[in-house]
Each structure stands twice: as structure tokens, then as C-alpha cells.
Amino acid sequence: MSTIELRSSLHQLIDRIDDDTVLQAHLTLLAREANQPSGDFWDDLSISQQASVDRGMTDLIAGRRKPATDVLKRLAE
């Protein structure tokens, strides 16, 4: 779907919403996104964080998994 088609679909959906609370929630979400810098968050990660993500992706691709409890223990340290 092209950008123009996506925007058109969003406009059509928004026009069908009658709940002001739902509209406000979407406005907040979209405004937050529109105000974000367009850079890649990867550049904001430290070298060690990038290396950790790379290791995790390598393990995931290779089919190696760790129990969530192990990951949570490591994060708690």
C-alpha cells in the first residue's frame, strides 16, 4: 500500500470514529510520532547495546533461544 493510500485509509477511518476519547488518544499518538526526530534509534544506542542486539539477532537466526527467566536475571544485575 502506498503512502497516499495509507493516509487515505487513515482519514476514512478517523471520519467514522464518533468517540472523542478515542480520537484524542489517536491524536496524542500521532502527534508524538510526528514530533519525533526522523533519525534511526540505532544511532542512539551505545556500542554495547548495539552489540547485545547483534548477538541476540545472531542467536535468533541460528535458532538458539534463552529462557525468559535467564534474560530477566541478566537484566536485573
N, C-alpha and C. Protein backbone atom coordinates (compact mmCIF):
# COMPACT_ATOMS: atom_id res chain seq x y z
N MET A 1 0.85 -1.17 0.00
CA MET A 1 0.00 0.00 0.00
C MET A 1 0.90 1.24 0.00
N SER A 2 0.62 2.18 -0.85
CA SER A 2 1.44 3.39 -0.95
C SER A 2 1.14 4.34 0.20
N THR A 3 1.99 5.32 0.36
CA THR A 3 1.80 6.33 1.41
C THR A 3 0.48 7.05 1.22
N ILE A 4 0.16 7.39 0.00
CA ILE A 4 -1.09 8.09 -0.28
C ILE A 4 -2.29 7.22 0.10
N GLU A 5 -2.22 5.93 -0.23
CA GLU A 5 -3.31 5.02 0.11
C GLU A 5 -3.43 4.84 1.62
N LEU A 6 -2.29 4.76 2.30
CA LEU A 6 -2.31 4.63 3.76
C LEU A 6 -2.96 5.85 4.40
N ARG A 7 -2.56 7.03 3.96
CA ARG A 7 -3.13 8.27 4.52
C ARG A 7 -4.62 8.35 4.24
N SER A 8 -5.02 7.96 3.05
CA SER A 8 -6.43 7.99 2.69
C SER A 8 -7.24 7.04 3.58
N SER A 9 -6.69 5.86 3.81
CA SER A 9 -7.37 4.89 4.68
C SER A 9 -7.49 5.41 6.10
N LEU A 10 -6.42 6.03 6.59
CA LEU A 10 -6.47 6.61 7.94
C LEU A 10 -7.53 7.70 8.04
N HIS A 11 -7.58 8.57 7.04
CA HIS A 11 -8.59 9.63 7.04
C HIS A 11 -10.01 9.05 7.06
N GLN A 12 -10.23 8.03 6.25
CA GLN A 12 -11.55 7.40 6.20
C GLN A 12 -11.92 6.78 7.54
N LEU A 13 -10.98 6.11 8.16
CA LEU A 13 -11.25 5.50 9.47
C LEU A 13 -11.53 6.57 10.53
N ILE A 14 -10.73 7.61 10.53
CA ILE A 14 -10.91 8.68 11.52
C ILE A 14 -12.29 9.33 11.35
N ASP A 15 -12.71 9.53 10.12
CA ASP A 15 -14.01 10.14 9.86
C ASP A 15 -15.16 9.30 10.41
N ARG A 16 -14.94 8.00 10.60
CA ARG A 16 -16.02 7.12 11.10
C ARG A 16 -16.04 6.99 12.62
N ILE A 17 -15.05 7.55 13.30
CA ILE A 17 -14.99 7.44 14.77
C ILE A 17 -15.76 8.60 15.38
N ASP A 18 -16.71 8.26 16.27
CA ASP A 18 -17.52 9.27 16.93
C ASP A 18 -17.12 9.52 18.37
N ASP A 19 -16.27 8.68 18.91
CA ASP A 19 -15.86 8.79 20.31
C ASP A 19 -14.70 9.76 20.45
N ASP A 20 -14.95 10.89 21.14
CA ASP A 20 -13.91 11.91 21.31
C ASP A 20 -12.70 11.40 22.07
N THR A 21 -12.91 10.48 23.00
CA THR A 21 -11.79 9.93 23.77
C THR A 21 -10.86 9.13 22.86
N VAL A 22 -11.45 8.35 21.98
CA VAL A 22 -10.65 7.56 21.04
C VAL A 22 -9.92 8.48 20.08
N LEU A 23 -10.59 9.51 19.60
CA LEU A 23 -9.95 10.46 18.70
C LEU A 23 -8.80 11.18 19.39
N GLN A 24 -9.00 11.57 20.65
CA GLN A 24 -7.94 12.25 21.40
C GLN A 24 -6.74 11.33 21.59
N ALA A 25 -6.99 10.06 21.88
CA ALA A 25 -5.90 9.11 22.06
C ALA A 25 -5.08 8.97 20.78
N HIS A 26 -5.76 8.89 19.66
CA HIS A 26 -5.06 8.77 18.38
C HIS A 26 -4.32 10.06 18.03
N LEU A 27 -4.93 11.19 18.35
CA LEU A 27 -4.26 12.47 18.11
C LEU A 27 -2.97 12.55 18.91
N THR A 28 -3.03 12.15 20.17
CA THR A 28 -1.85 12.16 21.02
C THR A 28 -0.76 11.26 20.45
N LEU A 29 -1.14 10.06 20.05
CA LEU A 29 -0.18 9.11 19.49
C LEU A 29 0.46 9.64 18.21
N LEU A 30 -0.36 10.14 17.31
CA LEU A 30 0.15 10.64 16.04
C LEU A 30 0.99 11.90 16.23
N ALA A 31 0.59 12.78 17.15
CA ALA A 31 1.37 13.99 17.40
C ALA A 31 2.73 13.64 17.98
N ARG A 32 2.76 12.66 18.86
CA ARG A 32 4.02 12.21 19.45
C ARG A 32 4.95 11.67 18.36
N GLU A 33 4.39 10.90 17.46
CA GLU A 33 5.18 10.32 16.36
C GLU A 33 5.67 11.42 15.41
N ALA A 34 4.82 12.37 15.12
CA ALA A 34 5.18 13.44 14.19
C ALA A 34 6.27 14.34 14.76
N ASN A 35 6.35 14.43 16.08
CA ASN A 35 7.34 15.29 16.72
C ASN A 35 8.66 14.58 17.00
N GLN A 36 8.73 13.30 16.70
CA GLN A 36 9.96 12.54 16.92
C GLN A 36 10.96 12.85 15.82
N PRO A 37 12.23 12.92 16.19
CA PRO A 37 13.24 13.08 15.14
C PRO A 37 13.18 11.88 14.19
N SER A 38 13.46 12.11 12.94
CA SER A 38 13.31 11.05 11.95
C SER A 38 14.53 10.14 11.87
N GLY A 39 15.52 10.34 12.75
CA GLY A 39 16.72 9.52 12.73
C GLY A 39 16.43 8.10 13.21
N ASP A 40 17.40 7.26 13.02
CA ASP A 40 17.30 5.86 13.42
C ASP A 40 17.67 5.73 14.88
N PHE A 41 16.82 5.09 15.68
CA PHE A 41 17.10 4.93 17.11
C PHE A 41 18.39 4.15 17.34
N TRP A 42 18.79 3.35 16.37
CA TRP A 42 20.01 2.56 16.48
C TRP A 42 21.21 3.46 16.81
N ASP A 43 21.22 4.64 16.22
CA ASP A 43 22.31 5.57 16.43
C ASP A 43 22.36 6.10 17.86
N ASP A 44 21.25 6.01 18.57
CA ASP A 44 21.19 6.47 19.96
C ASP A 44 21.63 5.41 20.95
N LEU A 45 21.77 4.15 20.48
CA LEU A 45 22.20 3.07 21.36
C LEU A 45 23.71 3.12 21.56
N SER A 46 24.14 2.68 22.75
CA SER A 46 25.57 2.60 23.00
C SER A 46 26.15 1.43 22.19
N ILE A 47 27.46 1.39 22.07
CA ILE A 47 28.13 0.31 21.34
C ILE A 47 27.80 -1.03 21.99
N SER A 48 27.78 -1.08 23.33
CA SER A 48 27.48 -2.35 24.00
C SER A 48 26.03 -2.78 23.76
N GLN A 49 25.11 -1.81 23.70
CA GLN A 49 23.71 -2.14 23.40
C GLN A 49 23.57 -2.66 21.98
N GLN A 50 24.26 -2.03 21.04
CA GLN A 50 24.22 -2.50 19.66
C GLN A 50 24.79 -3.91 19.55
N ALA A 51 25.89 -4.16 20.26
CA ALA A 51 26.50 -5.49 20.23
C ALA A 51 25.55 -6.53 20.82
N SER A 52 24.85 -6.16 21.89
CA SER A 52 23.90 -7.08 22.52
C SER A 52 22.76 -7.43 21.56
N VAL A 53 22.25 -6.44 20.86
CA VAL A 53 21.18 -6.68 19.88
C VAL A 53 21.70 -7.57 18.76
N ASP A 54 22.91 -7.28 18.29
CA ASP A 54 23.51 -8.11 17.23
C ASP A 54 23.66 -9.56 17.67
N ARG A 55 24.13 -9.78 18.91
CA ARG A 55 24.26 -11.15 19.42
C ARG A 55 22.90 -11.83 19.49
N GLY A 56 21.90 -11.10 19.97
CA GLY A 56 20.56 -11.66 20.05
C GLY A 56 20.00 -12.04 18.69
N MET A 57 20.22 -11.19 17.70
CA MET A 57 19.74 -11.48 16.34
C MET A 57 20.47 -12.69 15.77
N THR A 58 21.77 -12.78 16.02
CA THR A 58 22.54 -13.93 15.53
C THR A 58 22.02 -15.21 16.15
N ASP A 59 21.76 -15.18 17.46
CA ASP A 59 21.22 -16.36 18.15
C ASP A 59 19.83 -16.71 17.60
N LEU A 60 19.01 -15.70 17.39
CA LEU A 60 17.65 -15.93 16.90
C LEU A 60 17.69 -16.56 15.51
N ILE A 61 18.52 -16.04 14.64
CA ILE A 61 18.63 -16.58 13.28
C ILE A 61 19.14 -18.01 13.31
N ALA A 62 20.05 -18.29 14.24
CA ALA A 62 20.62 -19.64 14.34
C ALA A 62 19.69 -20.61 15.08
N GLY A 63 18.58 -20.09 15.58
CA GLY A 63 17.63 -20.96 16.27
C GLY A 63 17.96 -21.19 17.73
N ARG A 64 18.93 -20.45 18.26
CA ARG A 64 19.27 -20.56 19.67
C ARG A 64 18.38 -19.62 20.47
N ARG A 65 17.82 -20.15 21.53
CA ARG A 65 16.93 -19.34 22.37
C ARG A 65 17.36 -19.47 23.82
N LYS A 66 17.03 -18.45 24.60
CA LYS A 66 17.29 -18.46 26.03
C LYS A 66 15.95 -18.33 26.74
N PRO A 67 15.80 -19.01 27.86
CA PRO A 67 14.56 -18.84 28.62
C PRO A 67 14.42 -17.38 29.08
N ALA A 68 13.22 -16.89 29.11
CA ALA A 68 12.97 -15.51 29.51
C ALA A 68 13.50 -15.24 30.91
N THR A 69 13.44 -16.24 31.79
CA THR A 69 13.93 -16.04 33.16
C THR A 69 15.42 -15.73 33.16
N ASP A 70 16.20 -16.36 32.26
CA ASP A 70 17.63 -16.08 32.17
C ASP A 70 17.88 -14.64 31.72
N VAL A 71 17.11 -14.21 30.76
CA VAL A 71 17.27 -12.84 30.25
C VAL A 71 16.90 -11.84 31.34
N LEU A 72 15.80 -12.08 32.05
CA LEU A 72 15.37 -11.18 33.10
C LEU A 72 16.38 -11.12 34.24
N LYS A 73 16.98 -12.26 34.58
CA LYS A 73 18.01 -12.29 35.63
C LYS A 73 19.18 -11.41 35.22
N ARG A 74 19.61 -11.53 33.96
CA ARG A 74 20.75 -10.76 33.49
C ARG A 74 20.43 -9.26 33.51
N LEU A 75 19.20 -8.91 33.15
CA LEU A 75 18.82 -7.50 33.14
C LEU A 75 18.72 -6.93 34.55
N ALA A 76 18.40 -7.78 35.51
CA ALA A 76 18.28 -7.32 36.89
C ALA A 76 19.63 -7.06 37.55
N GLU A 77 20.69 -7.61 36.97
CA GLU A 77 22.04 -7.45 37.56
C GLU A 77 22.56 -6.05 37.41
